PDB file of all heavy atoms in Angstrom:
ATOM      1  N   LEU A   1      -9.957 -11.073   4.836  1.00  0.00           N
ATOM      2  CA  LEU A   1     -10.697 -10.020   4.260  1.00  0.00           C
ATOM      3  C   LEU A   1     -10.271  -8.656   4.937  1.00  0.00           C
ATOM      4  O   LEU A   1     -10.058  -7.633   4.285  1.00  0.00           O
ATOM      5  CB  LEU A   1     -12.235 -10.142   4.349  1.00  0.00           C
ATOM      6  CG  LEU A   1     -13.077  -9.152   3.596  1.00  0.00           C
ATOM      7  CD1 LEU A   1     -12.683  -9.077   2.164  1.00  0.00           C
ATOM      8  CD2 LEU A   1     -14.525  -9.491   3.794  1.00  0.00           C
ATOM      9  N   GLY A   2     -10.245  -8.664   6.263  1.00  0.00           N
ATOM     10  CA  GLY A   2      -9.767  -7.496   7.002  1.00  0.00           C
ATOM     11  C   GLY A   2      -8.352  -7.063   6.579  1.00  0.00           C
ATOM     12  O   GLY A   2      -8.125  -5.911   6.465  1.00  0.00           O
ATOM     13  N   MET A   3      -7.418  -8.078   6.423  1.00  0.00           N
ATOM     14  CA  MET A   3      -6.048  -7.677   6.051  1.00  0.00           C
ATOM     15  C   MET A   3      -6.088  -7.008   4.734  1.00  0.00           C
ATOM     16  O   MET A   3      -5.344  -5.989   4.514  1.00  0.00           O
ATOM     17  CB  MET A   3      -5.171  -8.968   6.016  1.00  0.00           C
ATOM     18  CG  MET A   3      -3.777  -8.609   5.645  1.00  0.00           C
ATOM     19  SD  MET A   3      -2.866 -10.152   5.176  1.00  0.00           S
ATOM     20  CE  MET A   3      -3.801 -10.770   3.745  1.00  0.00           C
ATOM     21  N   LEU A   4      -6.845  -7.537   3.766  1.00  0.00           N
ATOM     22  CA  LEU A   4      -6.833  -6.956   2.475  1.00  0.00           C
ATOM     23  C   LEU A   4      -7.518  -5.533   2.421  1.00  0.00           C
ATOM     24  O   LEU A   4      -6.954  -4.629   1.722  1.00  0.00           O
ATOM     25  CB  LEU A   4      -7.589  -7.841   1.439  1.00  0.00           C
ATOM     26  CG  LEU A   4      -6.916  -9.253   1.270  1.00  0.00           C
ATOM     27  CD1 LEU A   4      -7.793 -10.090   0.306  1.00  0.00           C
ATOM     28  CD2 LEU A   4      -5.534  -9.034   0.614  1.00  0.00           C
ATOM     29  N   LEU A   5      -8.541  -5.364   3.218  1.00  0.00           N
ATOM     30  CA  LEU A   5      -9.215  -4.026   3.199  1.00  0.00           C
ATOM     31  C   LEU A   5      -8.336  -3.029   3.905  1.00  0.00           C
ATOM     32  O   LEU A   5      -8.201  -1.902   3.419  1.00  0.00           O
ATOM     33  CB  LEU A   5     -10.521  -4.192   3.974  1.00  0.00           C
ATOM     34  CG  LEU A   5     -11.579  -4.979   3.287  1.00  0.00           C
ATOM     35  CD1 LEU A   5     -12.883  -4.993   4.128  1.00  0.00           C
ATOM     36  CD2 LEU A   5     -11.951  -4.479   1.833  1.00  0.00           C
ATOM     37  N   GLU A   6      -7.601  -3.425   4.962  1.00  0.00           N
ATOM     38  CA  GLU A   6      -6.707  -2.539   5.664  1.00  0.00           C
ATOM     39  C   GLU A   6      -5.471  -2.190   4.746  1.00  0.00           C
ATOM     40  O   GLU A   6      -4.878  -1.168   4.917  1.00  0.00           O
ATOM     41  CB  GLU A   6      -6.240  -3.115   6.953  1.00  0.00           C
ATOM     42  CG  GLU A   6      -7.251  -3.150   8.046  1.00  0.00           C
ATOM     43  CD  GLU A   6      -6.736  -3.735   9.326  1.00  0.00           C
ATOM     44  OE1 GLU A   6      -6.084  -4.833   9.344  1.00  0.00           O
ATOM     45  OE2 GLU A   6      -6.890  -3.086  10.386  1.00  0.00           O
ATOM     46  N   GLY A   7      -5.195  -3.128   3.790  1.00  0.00           N
ATOM     47  CA  GLY A   7      -4.103  -2.870   2.821  1.00  0.00           C
ATOM     48  C   GLY A   7      -4.461  -1.973   1.685  1.00  0.00           C
ATOM     49  O   GLY A   7      -3.616  -1.671   0.838  1.00  0.00           O
ATOM     50  N   GLY A   8      -5.729  -1.509   1.662  1.00  0.00           N
ATOM     51  CA  GLY A   8      -6.090  -0.711   0.585  1.00  0.00           C
ATOM     52  C   GLY A   8      -6.793  -1.246  -0.634  1.00  0.00           C
ATOM     53  O   GLY A   8      -7.121  -0.607  -1.588  1.00  0.00           O
ATOM     54  N   ILE A   9      -7.075  -2.548  -0.525  1.00  0.00           N
ATOM     55  CA  ILE A   9      -7.762  -3.259  -1.629  1.00  0.00           C
ATOM     56  C   ILE A   9      -9.277  -3.048  -1.493  1.00  0.00           C
ATOM     57  O   ILE A   9      -9.858  -3.133  -0.331  1.00  0.00           O
ATOM     58  CB  ILE A   9      -7.422  -4.775  -1.590  1.00  0.00           C
ATOM     59  CG1 ILE A   9      -5.903  -4.943  -1.789  1.00  0.00           C
ATOM     60  CG2 ILE A   9      -8.147  -5.499  -2.740  1.00  0.00           C
ATOM     61  CD1 ILE A   9      -5.494  -6.405  -1.788  1.00  0.00           C
ATOM     62  N   ALA A  10      -9.944  -2.787  -2.569  1.00  0.00           N
ATOM     63  CA  ALA A  10     -11.397  -2.586  -2.549  1.00  0.00           C
ATOM     64  C   ALA A  10     -12.151  -3.855  -2.197  1.00  0.00           C
ATOM     65  O   ALA A  10     -11.512  -4.999  -2.352  1.00  0.00           O
ATOM     66  CB  ALA A  10     -11.924  -2.125  -3.899  1.00  0.00           C
ATOM     67  N   LEU A  11     -13.315  -3.768  -1.741  1.00  0.00           N
ATOM     68  CA  LEU A  11     -14.107  -4.861  -1.165  1.00  0.00           C
ATOM     69  C   LEU A  11     -14.286  -6.015  -2.168  1.00  0.00           C
ATOM     70  O   LEU A  11     -13.963  -7.165  -1.867  1.00  0.00           O
ATOM     71  CB  LEU A  11     -15.447  -4.411  -0.584  1.00  0.00           C
ATOM     72  CG  LEU A  11     -16.409  -5.526  -0.097  1.00  0.00           C
ATOM     73  CD1 LEU A  11     -15.596  -6.266   1.068  1.00  0.00           C
ATOM     74  CD2 LEU A  11     -17.699  -4.939   0.383  1.00  0.00           C
ATOM     75  N   ILE A  12     -14.766  -5.715  -3.371  1.00  0.00           N
ATOM     76  CA  ILE A  12     -15.066  -6.688  -4.333  1.00  0.00           C
ATOM     77  C   ILE A  12     -13.775  -7.468  -4.809  1.00  0.00           C
ATOM     78  O   ILE A  12     -13.767  -8.703  -4.866  1.00  0.00           O
ATOM     79  CB  ILE A  12     -15.837  -6.153  -5.496  1.00  0.00           C
ATOM     80  CG1 ILE A  12     -17.210  -5.580  -5.044  1.00  0.00           C
ATOM     81  CG2 ILE A  12     -16.105  -7.237  -6.577  1.00  0.00           C
ATOM     82  CD1 ILE A  12     -18.055  -6.600  -4.363  1.00  0.00           C
ATOM     83  N   PRO A  13     -12.711  -6.766  -5.203  1.00  0.00           N
ATOM     84  CA  PRO A  13     -11.472  -7.463  -5.526  1.00  0.00           C
ATOM     85  C   PRO A  13     -10.895  -8.334  -4.364  1.00  0.00           C
ATOM     86  O   PRO A  13     -10.385  -9.359  -4.579  1.00  0.00           O
ATOM     87  CB  PRO A  13     -10.527  -6.322  -5.919  1.00  0.00           C
ATOM     88  CG  PRO A  13     -11.400  -5.187  -6.347  1.00  0.00           C
ATOM     89  CD  PRO A  13     -12.628  -5.255  -5.541  1.00  0.00           C
ATOM     90  N   ALA A  14     -11.118  -7.781  -3.164  1.00  0.00           N
ATOM     91  CA  ALA A  14     -10.649  -8.528  -1.924  1.00  0.00           C
ATOM     92  C   ALA A  14     -11.427  -9.848  -1.838  1.00  0.00           C
ATOM     93  O   ALA A  14     -10.840 -10.859  -1.465  1.00  0.00           O
ATOM     94  CB  ALA A  14     -10.821  -7.718  -0.695  1.00  0.00           C
ATOM     95  N   MET A  15     -12.684  -9.764  -2.068  1.00  0.00           N
ATOM     96  CA  MET A  15     -13.532 -11.019  -1.964  1.00  0.00           C
ATOM     97  C   MET A  15     -13.122 -11.996  -3.024  1.00  0.00           C
ATOM     98  O   MET A  15     -13.213 -13.212  -2.845  1.00  0.00           O
ATOM     99  CB  MET A  15     -15.061 -10.664  -2.031  1.00  0.00           C
ATOM    100  CG  MET A  15     -15.526  -9.808  -0.850  1.00  0.00           C
ATOM    101  SD  MET A  15     -17.257  -9.315  -1.035  1.00  0.00           S
ATOM    102  CE  MET A  15     -18.024 -10.908  -0.740  1.00  0.00           C
ATOM    103  N   ASP A  16     -12.785 -11.463  -4.236  1.00  0.00           N
ATOM    104  CA  ASP A  16     -12.369 -12.409  -5.238  1.00  0.00           C
ATOM    105  C   ASP A  16     -11.024 -13.081  -4.922  1.00  0.00           C
ATOM    106  O   ASP A  16     -10.751 -14.218  -5.297  1.00  0.00           O
ATOM    107  CB  ASP A  16     -12.146 -11.632  -6.606  1.00  0.00           C
ATOM    108  CG  ASP A  16     -13.451 -11.126  -7.182  1.00  0.00           C
ATOM    109  OD1 ASP A  16     -14.468 -11.852  -6.909  1.00  0.00           O
ATOM    110  OD2 ASP A  16     -13.495 -10.147  -7.844  1.00  0.00           O
ATOM    111  N   THR A  17     -10.147 -12.336  -4.199  1.00  0.00           N
ATOM    112  CA  THR A  17      -8.801 -12.798  -3.844  1.00  0.00           C
ATOM    113  C   THR A  17      -8.826 -13.934  -2.863  1.00  0.00           C
ATOM    114  O   THR A  17      -7.992 -14.867  -2.911  1.00  0.00           O
ATOM    115  CB  THR A  17      -7.926 -11.689  -3.376  1.00  0.00           C
ATOM    116  OG1 THR A  17      -7.881 -10.626  -4.397  1.00  0.00           O
ATOM    117  CG2 THR A  17      -6.478 -12.097  -3.052  1.00  0.00           C
ATOM    118  N   ILE A  18      -9.730 -13.934  -1.891  1.00  0.00           N
ATOM    119  CA  ILE A  18      -9.710 -14.765  -0.695  1.00  0.00           C
ATOM    120  C   ILE A  18     -10.348 -16.069  -0.993  1.00  0.00           C
ATOM    121  O   ILE A  18     -10.445 -16.949  -0.075  1.00  0.00           O
ATOM    122  CB  ILE A  18     -10.250 -14.124   0.553  1.00  0.00           C
ATOM    123  CG1 ILE A  18     -11.759 -13.891   0.288  1.00  0.00           C
ATOM    124  CG2 ILE A  18      -9.603 -12.881   0.933  1.00  0.00           C
ATOM    125  CD1 ILE A  18     -12.461 -13.320   1.515  1.00  0.00           C
ATOM    126  N   GLY A  19     -10.766 -16.354  -2.196  1.00  0.00           N
ATOM    127  CA  GLY A  19     -11.389 -17.659  -2.475  1.00  0.00           C
ATOM    128  C   GLY A  19     -10.503 -18.843  -2.206  1.00  0.00           C
ATOM    129  O   GLY A  19     -11.010 -19.927  -1.868  1.00  0.00           O
ATOM    130  N   GLU A  20      -9.171 -18.718  -2.368  1.00  0.00           N
ATOM    131  CA  GLU A  20      -8.275 -19.864  -2.152  1.00  0.00           C
ATOM    132  C   GLU A  20      -8.062 -20.174  -0.727  1.00  0.00           C
ATOM    133  O   GLU A  20      -7.575 -21.353  -0.394  1.00  0.00           O
ATOM    134  CB  GLU A  20      -6.870 -19.494  -2.806  1.00  0.00           C
ATOM    135  CG  GLU A  20      -6.256 -18.298  -2.102  1.00  0.00           C
ATOM    136  CD  GLU A  20      -4.776 -18.171  -2.496  1.00  0.00           C
ATOM    137  OE1 GLU A  20      -4.438 -18.747  -3.517  1.00  0.00           O
ATOM    138  OE2 GLU A  20      -4.087 -17.517  -1.812  1.00  0.00           O
ATOM    139  N   VAL A  21      -8.339 -19.321   0.263  1.00  0.00           N
ATOM    140  CA  VAL A  21      -8.068 -19.629   1.721  1.00  0.00           C
ATOM    141  C   VAL A  21      -9.264 -20.034   2.426  1.00  0.00           C
ATOM    142  O   VAL A  21      -9.091 -20.312   3.616  1.00  0.00           O
ATOM    143  CB  VAL A  21      -7.473 -18.371   2.369  1.00  0.00           C
ATOM    144  CG1 VAL A  21      -6.163 -18.000   1.622  1.00  0.00           C
ATOM    145  CG2 VAL A  21      -8.425 -17.231   2.400  1.00  0.00           C
ATOM    146  N   VAL A  22     -10.437 -20.241   1.775  1.00  0.00           N
ATOM    147  CA  VAL A  22     -11.639 -20.707   2.495  1.00  0.00           C
ATOM    148  C   VAL A  22     -12.051 -22.021   1.895  1.00  0.00           C
ATOM    149  O   VAL A  22     -11.668 -22.334   0.820  1.00  0.00           O
ATOM    150  CB  VAL A  22     -12.706 -19.559   2.442  1.00  0.00           C
ATOM    151  CG1 VAL A  22     -12.292 -18.386   3.166  1.00  0.00           C
ATOM    152  CG2 VAL A  22     -13.062 -19.244   1.002  1.00  0.00           C
ATOM    153  N   SER A  23     -12.956 -22.652   2.610  1.00  0.00           N
ATOM    154  CA  SER A  23     -13.469 -23.961   2.119  1.00  0.00           C
ATOM    155  C   SER A  23     -14.396 -23.757   0.966  1.00  0.00           C
ATOM    156  O   SER A  23     -14.952 -22.673   0.707  1.00  0.00           O
ATOM    157  CB  SER A  23     -14.178 -24.648   3.251  1.00  0.00           C
ATOM    158  OG  SER A  23     -15.361 -23.953   3.662  1.00  0.00           O
ATOM    159  N   PRO A  24     -14.646 -24.821   0.192  1.00  0.00           N
ATOM    160  CA  PRO A  24     -15.549 -24.665  -0.941  1.00  0.00           C
ATOM    161  C   PRO A  24     -17.007 -24.167  -0.565  1.00  0.00           C
ATOM    162  O   PRO A  24     -17.539 -23.390  -1.261  1.00  0.00           O
ATOM    163  CB  PRO A  24     -15.621 -26.126  -1.510  1.00  0.00           C
ATOM    164  CG  PRO A  24     -14.304 -26.707  -1.132  1.00  0.00           C
ATOM    165  CD  PRO A  24     -13.949 -26.155   0.160  1.00  0.00           C
ATOM    166  N   THR A  25     -17.448 -24.636   0.562  1.00  0.00           N
ATOM    167  CA  THR A  25     -18.771 -24.147   1.039  1.00  0.00           C
ATOM    168  C   THR A  25     -18.812 -22.685   1.280  1.00  0.00           C
ATOM    169  O   THR A  25     -19.670 -21.928   0.821  1.00  0.00           O
ATOM    170  CB  THR A  25     -19.128 -24.925   2.336  1.00  0.00           C
ATOM    171  OG1 THR A  25     -19.154 -26.297   2.130  1.00  0.00           O
ATOM    172  CG2 THR A  25     -20.534 -24.430   2.784  1.00  0.00           C
ATOM    173  N   VAL A  26     -17.736 -22.127   1.971  1.00  0.00           N
ATOM    174  CA  VAL A  26     -17.683 -20.705   2.273  1.00  0.00           C
ATOM    175  C   VAL A  26     -17.421 -19.936   0.966  1.00  0.00           C
ATOM    176  O   VAL A  26     -17.983 -18.836   0.794  1.00  0.00           O
ATOM    177  CB  VAL A  26     -16.543 -20.442   3.305  1.00  0.00           C
ATOM    178  CG1 VAL A  26     -16.318 -18.946   3.502  1.00  0.00           C
ATOM    179  CG2 VAL A  26     -16.945 -21.056   4.666  1.00  0.00           C
ATOM    180  N   ARG A  27     -16.652 -20.500   0.125  1.00  0.00           N
ATOM    181  CA  ARG A  27     -16.318 -19.887  -1.172  1.00  0.00           C
ATOM    182  C   ARG A  27     -17.623 -19.674  -1.974  1.00  0.00           C
ATOM    183  O   ARG A  27     -17.788 -18.598  -2.569  1.00  0.00           O
ATOM    184  CB  ARG A  27     -15.369 -20.753  -1.977  1.00  0.00           C
ATOM    185  CG  ARG A  27     -14.776 -20.040  -3.213  1.00  0.00           C
ATOM    186  CD  ARG A  27     -13.916 -20.943  -4.004  1.00  0.00           C
ATOM    187  NE  ARG A  27     -12.866 -21.433  -3.200  1.00  0.00           N
ATOM    188  CZ  ARG A  27     -12.576 -22.709  -2.993  1.00  0.00           C
ATOM    189  NH1 ARG A  27     -13.242 -23.627  -3.659  1.00  0.00           N
ATOM    190  NH2 ARG A  27     -11.544 -23.107  -2.218  1.00  0.00           N
ATOM    191  N   LYS A  28     -18.477 -20.679  -1.956  1.00  0.00           N
ATOM    192  CA  LYS A  28     -19.774 -20.539  -2.694  1.00  0.00           C
ATOM    193  C   LYS A  28     -20.618 -19.452  -2.093  1.00  0.00           C
ATOM    194  O   LYS A  28     -21.198 -18.706  -2.851  1.00  0.00           O
ATOM    195  CB  LYS A  28     -20.461 -21.892  -2.689  1.00  0.00           C
ATOM    196  CG  LYS A  28     -21.807 -21.915  -3.408  1.00  0.00           C
ATOM    197  CD  LYS A  28     -22.414 -23.279  -3.436  1.00  0.00           C
ATOM    198  CE  LYS A  28     -23.723 -23.271  -4.179  1.00  0.00           C
ATOM    199  NZ  LYS A  28     -24.368 -24.693  -4.069  1.00  0.00           N
ATOM    200  N   ARG A  29     -20.696 -19.504  -0.742  1.00  0.00           N
ATOM    201  CA  ARG A  29     -21.575 -18.450  -0.077  1.00  0.00           C
ATOM    202  C   ARG A  29     -20.876 -17.077  -0.316  1.00  0.00           C
ATOM    203  O   ARG A  29     -21.640 -16.036  -0.411  1.00  0.00           O
ATOM    204  CB  ARG A  29     -21.644 -18.733   1.384  1.00  0.00           C
ATOM    205  CG  ARG A  29     -22.435 -20.030   1.644  1.00  0.00           C
ATOM    206  CD  ARG A  29     -22.397 -20.329   3.183  1.00  0.00           C
ATOM    207  NE  ARG A  29     -23.251 -21.525   3.420  1.00  0.00           N
ATOM    208  CZ  ARG A  29     -23.343 -22.127   4.650  1.00  0.00           C
ATOM    209  NH1 ARG A  29     -22.701 -21.586   5.674  1.00  0.00           N
ATOM    210  NH2 ARG A  29     -24.095 -23.206   4.769  1.00  0.00           N
ATOM    211  N   LEU A  30     -19.600 -17.021  -0.264  1.00  0.00           N
ATOM    212  CA  LEU A  30     -18.927 -15.670  -0.514  1.00  0.00           C
ATOM    213  C   LEU A  30     -19.241 -15.164  -1.878  1.00  0.00           C
ATOM    214  O   LEU A  30     -19.463 -13.888  -2.033  1.00  0.00           O
ATOM    215  CB  LEU A  30     -17.403 -15.880  -0.258  1.00  0.00           C
ATOM    216  CG  LEU A  30     -16.600 -14.597  -0.208  1.00  0.00           C
ATOM    217  CD1 LEU A  30     -16.977 -13.795   0.983  1.00  0.00           C
ATOM    218  CD2 LEU A  30     -15.099 -14.966  -0.186  1.00  0.00           C
ATOM    219  N   LEU A  31     -19.278 -15.963  -2.886  1.00  0.00           N
ATOM    220  CA  LEU A  31     -19.600 -15.539  -4.247  1.00  0.00           C
ATOM    221  C   LEU A  31     -20.995 -14.989  -4.261  1.00  0.00           C
ATOM    222  O   LEU A  31     -21.239 -13.987  -4.950  1.00  0.00           O
ATOM    223  CB  LEU A  31     -19.390 -16.739  -5.177  1.00  0.00           C
ATOM    224  CG  LEU A  31     -19.736 -16.503  -6.678  1.00  0.00           C
ATOM    225  CD1 LEU A  31     -18.900 -15.353  -7.239  1.00  0.00           C
ATOM    226  CD2 LEU A  31     -19.673 -17.725  -7.503  1.00  0.00           C
ATOM    227  N   GLN A  32     -21.924 -15.752  -3.647  1.00  0.00           N
ATOM    228  CA  GLN A  32     -23.356 -15.270  -3.577  1.00  0.00           C
ATOM    229  C   GLN A  32     -23.413 -13.938  -2.909  1.00  0.00           C
ATOM    230  O   GLN A  32     -24.153 -13.031  -3.309  1.00  0.00           O
ATOM    231  CB  GLN A  32     -24.167 -16.303  -2.961  1.00  0.00           C
ATOM    232  CG  GLN A  32     -24.276 -17.586  -3.788  1.00  0.00           C
ATOM    233  CD  GLN A  32     -24.985 -18.708  -3.103  1.00  0.00           C
ATOM    234  OE1 GLN A  32     -25.234 -18.614  -1.858  1.00  0.00           O
ATOM    235  NE2 GLN A  32     -25.410 -19.696  -3.778  1.00  0.00           N
ATOM    236  N   ALA A  33     -22.665 -13.757  -1.742  1.00  0.00           N
ATOM    237  CA  ALA A  33     -22.655 -12.462  -1.021  1.00  0.00           C
ATOM    238  C   ALA A  33     -22.065 -11.408  -1.847  1.00  0.00           C
ATOM    239  O   ALA A  33     -22.628 -10.297  -1.848  1.00  0.00           O
ATOM    240  CB  ALA A  33     -21.857 -12.668   0.290  1.00  0.00           C
ATOM    241  N   LYS A  34     -21.046 -11.681  -2.675  1.00  0.00           N
ATOM    242  CA  LYS A  34     -20.489 -10.684  -3.523  1.00  0.00           C
ATOM    243  C   LYS A  34     -21.511 -10.157  -4.518  1.00  0.00           C
ATOM    244  O   LYS A  34     -21.575  -8.956  -4.765  1.00  0.00           O
ATOM    245  CB  LYS A  34     -19.255 -11.196  -4.217  1.00  0.00           C
ATOM    246  CG  LYS A  34     -18.525 -10.143  -5.100  1.00  0.00           C
ATOM    247  CD  LYS A  34     -17.415 -10.799  -5.915  1.00  0.00           C
ATOM    248  CE  LYS A  34     -18.082 -11.571  -7.082  1.00  0.00           C
ATOM    249  NZ  LYS A  34     -17.021 -11.980  -8.083  1.00  0.00           N
ATOM    250  N   ASN A  35     -22.286 -11.048  -5.068  1.00  0.00           N
ATOM    251  CA  ASN A  35     -23.368 -10.705  -6.070  1.00  0.00           C
ATOM    252  C   ASN A  35     -24.367  -9.771  -5.444  1.00  0.00           C
ATOM    253  O   ASN A  35     -24.873  -8.861  -5.988  1.00  0.00           O
ATOM    254  CB  ASN A  35     -23.969 -11.936  -6.676  1.00  0.00           C
ATOM    255  CG  ASN A  35     -22.994 -12.749  -7.501  1.00  0.00           C
ATOM    256  OD1 ASN A  35     -22.013 -12.178  -8.050  1.00  0.00           O
ATOM    257  ND2 ASN A  35     -23.217 -14.099  -7.615  1.00  0.00           N
ATOM    258  N   VAL A  36     -24.691 -10.105  -4.108  1.00  0.00           N
ATOM    259  CA  VAL A  36     -25.700  -9.382  -3.428  1.00  0.00           C
ATOM    260  C   VAL A  36     -25.130  -7.950  -3.119  1.00  0.00           C
ATOM    261  O   VAL A  36     -25.811  -6.878  -3.232  1.00  0.00           O
ATOM    262  CB  VAL A  36     -26.125 -10.026  -2.086  1.00  0.00           C
ATOM    263  CG1 VAL A  36     -27.005  -9.151  -1.252  1.00  0.00           C
ATOM    264  CG2 VAL A  36     -26.806 -11.310  -2.388  1.00  0.00           C
ATOM    265  N   ILE A  37     -23.872  -7.849  -2.716  1.00  0.00           N
ATOM    266  CA  ILE A  37     -23.223  -6.573  -2.455  1.00  0.00           C
ATOM    267  C   ILE A  37     -23.106  -5.691  -3.669  1.00  0.00           C
ATOM    268  O   ILE A  37     -23.396  -4.483  -3.620  1.00  0.00           O
ATOM    269  CB  ILE A  37     -21.771  -6.756  -1.913  1.00  0.00           C
ATOM    270  CG1 ILE A  37     -21.906  -7.465  -0.454  1.00  0.00           C
ATOM    271  CG2 ILE A  37     -21.027  -5.462  -1.810  1.00  0.00           C
ATOM    272  CD1 ILE A  37     -20.591  -7.820   0.084  1.00  0.00           C
ATOM    273  N   GLN A  38     -22.857  -6.296  -4.859  1.00  0.00           N
ATOM    274  CA  GLN A  38     -22.824  -5.555  -6.085  1.00  0.00           C
ATOM    275  C   GLN A  38     -24.192  -4.986  -6.496  1.00  0.00           C
ATOM    276  O   GLN A  38     -24.217  -3.986  -7.234  1.00  0.00           O
ATOM    277  CB  GLN A  38     -22.236  -6.389  -7.208  1.00  0.00           C
ATOM    278  CG  GLN A  38     -20.796  -6.706  -7.036  1.00  0.00           C
ATOM    279  CD  GLN A  38     -20.343  -7.704  -8.176  1.00  0.00           C
ATOM    280  OE1 GLN A  38     -20.990  -8.657  -8.517  1.00  0.00           O
ATOM    281  NE2 GLN A  38     -19.121  -7.446  -8.624  1.00  0.00           N
ATOM    282  N   SER A  39     -25.211  -5.550  -5.905  1.00  0.00           N
ATOM    283  CA  SER A  39     -26.615  -4.962  -6.183  1.00  0.00           C
ATOM    284  C   SER A  39     -26.947  -3.867  -5.253  1.00  0.00           C
ATOM    285  O   SER A  39     -28.055  -3.230  -5.322  1.00  0.00           O
ATOM    286  CB  SER A  39     -27.609  -6.089  -6.092  1.00  0.00           C
ATOM    287  OG  SER A  39     -27.734  -6.567  -4.761  1.00  0.00           O
ATOM    288  N   GLY A  40     -26.032  -3.464  -4.366  1.00  0.00           N
ATOM    289  CA  GLY A  40     -26.201  -2.338  -3.473  1.00  0.00           C
ATOM    290  C   GLY A  40     -26.537  -2.632  -2.076  1.00  0.00           C
ATOM    291  O   GLY A  40     -26.737  -1.742  -1.247  1.00  0.00           O
ATOM    292  N   VAL A  41     -26.507  -3.967  -1.625  1.00  0.00           N
ATOM    293  CA  VAL A  41     -26.782  -4.344  -0.255  1.00  0.00           C
ATOM    294  C   VAL A  41     -25.505  -4.144   0.622  1.00  0.00           C
ATOM    295  O   VAL A  41     -24.433  -4.536   0.138  1.00  0.00           O
ATOM    296  CB  VAL A  41     -27.308  -5.807  -0.185  1.00  0.00           C
ATOM    297  CG1 VAL A  41     -27.509  -6.239   1.255  1.00  0.00           C
ATOM    298  CG2 VAL A  41     -28.544  -5.910  -1.033  1.00  0.00           C
ATOM    299  N   PRO A  42     -25.688  -3.671   1.819  1.00  0.00           N
ATOM    300  CA  PRO A  42     -24.444  -3.577   2.747  1.00  0.00           C
ATOM    301  C   PRO A  42     -23.765  -4.891   3.048  1.00  0.00           C
ATOM    302  O   PRO A  42     -24.457  -6.013   2.903  1.00  0.00           O
ATOM    303  CB  PRO A  42     -24.970  -2.989   3.989  1.00  0.00           C
ATOM    304  CG  PRO A  42     -26.299  -2.249   3.595  1.00  0.00           C
ATOM    305  CD  PRO A  42     -26.844  -3.093   2.486  1.00  0.00           C
ATOM    306  N   LEU A  43     -22.532  -4.884   3.345  1.00  0.00           N
ATOM    307  CA  LEU A  43     -21.804  -6.079   3.645  1.00  0.00           C
ATOM    308  C   LEU A  43     -22.372  -6.927   4.738  1.00  0.00           C
ATOM    309  O   LEU A  43     -22.547  -8.116   4.653  1.00  0.00           O
ATOM    310  CB  LEU A  43     -20.273  -5.738   4.019  1.00  0.00           C
ATOM    311  CG  LEU A  43     -19.432  -6.876   4.442  1.00  0.00           C
ATOM    312  CD1 LEU A  43     -19.218  -7.856   3.276  1.00  0.00           C
ATOM    313  CD2 LEU A  43     -18.086  -6.467   4.989  1.00  0.00           C
TER     314      LEU A  43
END
């Protein structure tokens, strides 16, 4: 996620991109965290 953000990719698209490099458990939690962030909660 840090590499993508430093490369100029926005947070939400970056979170969508990294689903393939994490485990299914982390991927599920990451999706839930993305939904929370989209509601206005800090990362």
